[in-house]
Protein backbone atom coordinates (compact mmCIF):
# COMPACT_ATOMS: atom_id res chain seq x y z
CA MET A 1 -14.47 12.28 0.88
CA ASN A 2 -17.90 9.70 0.60
CA PRO A 3 -19.51 11.23 3.82
CA LYS A 4 -20.29 7.42 4.41
CA ILE A 5 -16.93 6.63 5.05
CA LEU A 6 -15.80 6.21 8.20
CA ILE A 7 -11.85 5.64 8.71
CA ARG A 8 -10.17 4.54 11.65
CA LYS A 9 -6.85 3.03 12.81
CA ILE A 10 -5.76 -0.64 13.09
CA LYS A 11 -7.05 -2.07 15.78
CA ASN A 12 -5.51 -5.47 17.53
CA SER A 13 -8.90 -7.32 16.70
CA ASP A 14 -8.17 -6.28 13.10
CA ASN A 15 -5.02 -9.34 12.79
CA PRO A 16 -7.25 -11.50 11.71
CA TRP A 17 -9.03 -9.73 9.48
CA ILE A 18 -5.58 -8.30 8.02
CA LYS A 19 -3.80 -11.86 7.38
CA PHE A 20 -6.69 -12.56 5.79
CA ILE A 21 -6.22 -10.10 3.25
CA PHE A 22 -1.86 -9.92 3.40
CA ASN A 23 -2.73 -13.46 2.60
CA ASP A 24 -5.56 -13.58 0.41
CA PHE A 25 -4.21 -10.38 -2.10
CA TRP A 26 -0.19 -10.10 -0.85
CA GLY A 27 0.24 -14.07 -1.10
CA GLY A 28 1.43 -14.28 2.43
CA ASN A 29 1.64 -12.46 6.07
CA PHE A 30 4.42 -9.83 4.58
CA ILE A 31 5.10 -7.99 1.48
CA ALA A 32 8.63 -7.82 0.34
CA THR A 33 10.31 -4.98 -1.68
CA LYS A 34 13.27 -3.68 -2.92
CA GLY A 35 14.57 -6.76 -0.92
CA ILE A 36 13.29 -6.09 2.68
CA ILE A 37 10.76 -7.86 4.27
CA HIS A 38 7.65 -6.11 5.40
CA ASN A 39 5.82 -8.27 7.90
CA ILE A 40 1.72 -8.24 9.28
CA LYS A 41 3.01 -7.68 12.90
CA ASP A 42 5.40 -4.68 12.08
CA LEU A 43 2.59 -2.18 9.72
CA ASP A 44 0.78 0.16 11.20
CA GLY A 45 -2.27 1.54 9.07
CA PHE A 46 -6.54 2.66 8.56
CA ILE A 47 -9.40 0.34 8.16
CA ALA A 48 -12.25 2.06 5.71
CA ILE A 49 -15.41 0.85 6.95
CA PHE A 50 -18.26 1.22 4.67
CA LYS A 51 -21.88 0.08 5.08
CA ASN A 52 -21.21 -0.93 8.20
CA GLU A 53 -18.70 -2.95 6.94
CA LYS A 54 -14.73 -3.47 6.34
CA ALA A 55 -14.38 -1.99 2.55
CA GLY A 56 -10.99 -0.79 2.22
CA LEU A 57 -7.07 -0.48 4.10
CA ILE A 58 -3.89 1.09 4.07
CA THR A 59 -0.61 -0.37 5.79
CA PHE A 60 2.45 2.01 6.22
CA ARG A 61 5.41 1.86 8.01
CA ILE A 62 7.00 4.98 9.83
CA ALA A 63 11.05 5.68 9.83
CA ASP A 64 12.98 8.34 10.23
CA ASN A 65 10.92 11.00 8.74
CA GLU A 66 8.44 9.31 6.81
CA PHE A 67 5.83 7.17 5.84
CA GLU A 68 5.93 4.36 3.72
CA ILE A 69 2.68 2.58 2.93
CA VAL A 70 3.43 -1.00 2.58
CA SER A 71 0.22 -1.96 0.98
CA LEU A 72 -3.52 -0.24 0.08
CA ASN A 73 -6.31 -2.21 -1.16
CA SER A 74 -9.93 -0.70 -2.19
CA PHE A 75 -12.75 -3.38 -2.18
CA VAL A 76 -15.56 -0.63 -3.17
CA GLU A 77 -14.70 0.59 -6.31
CA ASN A 78 -14.95 4.14 -7.44
CA ILE A 79 -16.53 5.50 -4.30
CA GLY A 80 -13.46 7.36 -2.44
CA ILE A 81 -12.27 4.91 -0.18
CA GLY A 82 -8.28 4.68 -1.47
CA SER A 83 -8.86 8.33 -1.40
CA ALA A 84 -9.83 8.50 2.02
CA LEU A 85 -7.41 5.65 3.36
CA LEU A 86 -4.26 7.69 1.76
CA GLU A 87 -5.75 11.29 2.66
CA ALA A 88 -6.00 9.75 6.26
CA THR A 89 -2.20 8.59 6.43
CA ILE A 90 -0.92 12.40 4.84
CA LYS A 91 -2.89 13.85 7.45
CA LEU A 92 -1.20 11.04 10.14
CA ALA A 93 2.35 12.01 8.33
CA LYS A 94 1.63 15.69 8.44
CA GLU A 95 0.55 15.70 12.00
CA ASN A 96 3.76 13.58 12.68
CA SER A 97 6.40 16.30 10.77
CA LYS A 98 7.39 14.07 8.95
CA ARG A 99 8.54 15.24 5.09
CA ARG A 100 8.37 11.82 2.76
CA VAL A 101 5.05 9.85 1.70
CA TRP A 102 6.51 7.27 -0.44
CA LEU A 103 5.91 3.64 -1.50
CA VAL A 104 6.67 1.00 -4.52
CA THR A 105 4.85 -0.69 -6.41
CA THR A 106 5.72 -3.10 -9.84
CA ASN A 107 5.81 -1.81 -13.79
CA ASP A 108 2.75 -3.87 -14.43
CA ASN A 109 0.13 -2.07 -11.49
CA ILE A 110 -1.12 0.11 -14.00
CA ASP A 111 -3.85 1.18 -11.65
CA ALA A 112 -1.76 1.79 -8.46
CA LEU A 113 1.14 4.06 -11.03
CA LYS A 114 -2.53 6.28 -12.33
CA PHE A 115 -4.23 6.42 -8.90
CA TYR A 116 -1.34 7.64 -7.12
CA GLN A 117 0.48 10.44 -9.57
CA LYS A 118 -3.50 11.26 -9.62
CA ARG A 119 -3.33 12.11 -6.30
CA ASN A 120 0.32 13.84 -7.08
CA PHE A 121 3.14 11.44 -5.87
CA ARG A 122 5.99 11.78 -8.80
CA LEU A 123 8.23 9.09 -10.16
CA LYS A 124 11.39 8.67 -8.15
CA LYS A 125 12.71 6.35 -8.96
CA ILE A 126 13.14 2.69 -11.01
CA TYR A 127 14.02 0.02 -10.13
CA PRO A 128 14.76 -2.01 -12.87
CA ASP A 129 15.06 -6.33 -12.13
CA ALA A 130 14.63 -5.70 -8.78
CA ILE A 131 11.32 -8.36 -8.52
CA LYS A 132 14.30 -10.81 -8.26
CA ALA A 133 15.33 -9.71 -4.94
CA SER A 134 11.87 -10.14 -3.49
CA ARG A 135 11.14 -13.19 -5.45
CA GLU A 136 13.89 -14.55 -3.54
CA LEU A 137 12.42 -14.06 -0.18
CA LYS A 138 9.10 -14.65 -1.37
CA PRO A 139 8.59 -16.56 -4.33
CA SER A 140 4.90 -16.64 -4.64
CA ILE A 141 5.48 -13.40 -6.86
CA PRO A 142 3.70 -14.41 -10.04
CA LEU A 143 5.94 -14.06 -13.28
CA THR A 144 3.32 -12.21 -14.58
CA GLY A 145 0.46 -9.57 -13.28
CA ASN A 146 -1.68 -7.16 -14.43
CA TYR A 147 -2.86 -6.65 -17.97
CA GLY A 148 -1.06 -9.76 -18.75
CA ILE A 149 2.45 -7.93 -17.80
CA ALA A 150 5.49 -9.46 -16.85
CA ILE A 151 6.23 -8.29 -13.01
CA LYS A 152 10.41 -7.45 -13.47
CA ASP A 153 10.72 -3.84 -11.75
CA GLU A 154 10.01 -2.04 -8.76
CA ILE A 155 9.17 1.76 -8.95
CA GLU A 156 9.19 3.81 -6.33
CA LEU A 157 6.70 7.03 -5.90
CA GLU A 158 6.80 9.99 -3.73
CA LEU A 159 4.72 12.19 -2.11
CA ILE A 160 6.88 15.50 -0.23
CA ILE A 161 4.79 17.32 2.55
């Protein structure tokens, strides 16, 4: 991890910035996966600080014996911000005796699939055409995503601790 990256828990004073990030990058104040709404007010997470600026955000939901990663954004690429945020989340999961960290992404998110698999996450399940249910909850989900790929399926990845 880059020693110049500071990772800290989300504070109430971060809420306006987090709302901006969700609206700007995720198209609203919630994310829909597997037909479930994840509202920002219900999520915990970490913020990465680099050169005294907010440079990344990870949000997650804790349920039962699991941490579900809901969002991960890095605003300075290739210096370890995403990795540092993910490591902090996994560390917190271990400290809380959780057995699994998991997430859902879409079939077009090739960069995320590469990122998580390089960090020992495994493909758990593919949900064909699951985006239909998510689009019913959040019509702003685009039809086409990264690399011009039609967004249709959701892919679950997991790391067993």
